[in-house]
Structures are given as C-alpha cells and as structure tokens.
Protein backbone atom coordinates (compact mmCIF):
# COMPACT_ATOMS: atom_id res chain seq x y z
CA MET A 1 42.52 84.01 108.44
CA ASP A 2 46.23 84.63 108.69
CA ALA A 3 48.98 83.59 106.26
CA GLU A 4 49.59 80.25 107.99
CA ALA A 5 45.89 79.32 107.95
CA ALA A 6 45.73 80.35 104.27
CA ARG A 7 48.66 78.05 103.53
CA HIS A 8 46.80 75.15 105.15
CA VAL A 9 43.67 75.92 103.10
CA ASP A 10 45.80 76.07 99.93
CA VAL A 11 47.43 72.69 100.68
CA THR A 12 44.06 71.11 101.47
CA LEU A 13 42.49 72.40 98.26
CA ARG A 14 45.38 70.93 96.27
CA ARG A 15 44.97 67.56 98.01
CA LEU A 16 41.28 67.62 97.10
CA GLY A 17 42.08 68.50 93.50
CA ILE A 18 40.29 71.84 93.74
CA ARG A 19 41.99 74.58 91.76
CA GLY A 20 42.62 78.05 93.12
CA VAL A 21 45.15 80.39 94.67
CA VAL A 22 44.56 81.45 98.27
CA ALA A 23 45.62 85.09 98.62
CA PRO A 24 44.82 88.25 100.57
CA GLU A 25 42.10 90.45 99.11
CA GLU A 26 44.59 93.31 99.18
CA PRO A 27 48.05 92.18 98.05
CA GLY A 28 50.62 92.60 100.79
CA ARG A 29 47.99 93.05 103.52
CA THR A 30 47.92 89.67 105.19
CA ALA A 31 45.98 91.00 108.18
CA GLY A 32 42.90 91.60 106.01
CA GLY A 33 40.48 89.26 104.30
CA TRP A 34 41.54 86.29 102.19
CA ARG A 35 39.86 84.79 99.11
CA VAL A 36 40.47 82.07 96.54
CA TYR A 37 41.38 83.31 93.06
CA ASP A 38 41.82 81.67 89.67
CA SER A 39 45.27 83.21 89.19
CA PRO A 40 48.05 84.68 91.33
CA ASP A 41 48.15 87.79 89.07
CA HIS A 42 46.41 90.58 90.99
CA GLY A 43 45.67 92.50 87.80
CA THR A 44 43.74 89.74 86.05
CA ARG A 45 42.60 87.36 88.78
CA LYS A 46 38.95 86.50 89.39
CA ASP A 47 37.51 85.65 92.80
CA ILE A 48 36.36 82.01 92.72
CA THR A 49 35.75 81.63 96.47
CA PRO A 50 32.02 80.79 96.05
CA ASP A 51 32.86 78.07 93.51
CA VAL A 52 35.53 76.61 95.78
CA LEU A 53 33.18 76.61 98.77
CA ALA A 54 30.56 74.82 96.65
CA ALA A 55 33.15 72.22 95.61
CA VAL A 56 34.10 71.58 99.26
CA VAL A 57 30.43 71.31 100.26
CA ALA A 58 29.77 68.90 97.39
CA ARG A 59 32.65 66.76 98.60
CA PHE A 60 31.86 66.72 102.33
CA GLY A 61 28.19 67.62 102.68
CA PRO A 62 26.30 70.78 103.61
CA PRO A 63 27.76 73.24 106.12
CA GLY A 64 25.98 73.62 109.41
CA ALA A 65 24.81 70.01 109.43
CA GLY A 66 24.71 70.33 113.21
CA GLY A 67 22.34 73.28 112.90
CA GLY A 68 22.73 76.97 112.26
CA PRO A 69 24.63 78.84 109.56
CA ALA A 70 28.30 78.24 108.80
CA ARG A 71 30.84 80.53 107.18
CA GLY A 72 34.28 80.00 105.68
CA PHE A 73 36.17 76.81 105.04
CA VAL A 74 35.42 73.72 107.09
CA VAL A 75 37.93 70.97 106.38
CA PRO A 76 37.56 67.64 108.20
CA PRO A 77 40.70 66.27 109.88
CA GLY A 78 42.63 63.57 108.05
CA GLY A 79 41.58 64.71 104.57
CA ASN A 80 38.49 62.47 104.49
C-alpha cells in the first residue's frame, strides 16, 4: 500500500466509525508495510490491524466469499 491508498483506508475507516491511525510500520518509510495503530505516537502505539480487519469483516461479511483466502483491506464501493 502506498500513502494515497493508506489515506483512502483511513477515510473509509472513519466513515465506518472504526477507530485507528493508518501509518507505515517504519515511520518515514512509506514504501514499506502499513498497519493500523491505536495512536499516531510511534513510541507508544499498539498495532490494532487484526482488530480493525475483524471489525470490517463483521460489517461486510467474511473475506474470500468467492472462494480462496483473502488478505488486506477489502472495502466495497459506495461505502455500503
């Protein structure tokens, strides 16, 4: 995910009422992995990505409904 995709995930989570801060795993390295954290403070933040994924799944149904495993964020168009 790049910074623009992360911004879209952040906006979508806010629209869904799901808390979290989307940020790179390594501050300042936007080309690396991204996660969802409970705080923007790198020194004290906790990774809550699994909780956020579970909240999205609870809202929209299980990933891979069409068959096979799924990974990452799957957000339906139109915010449904």
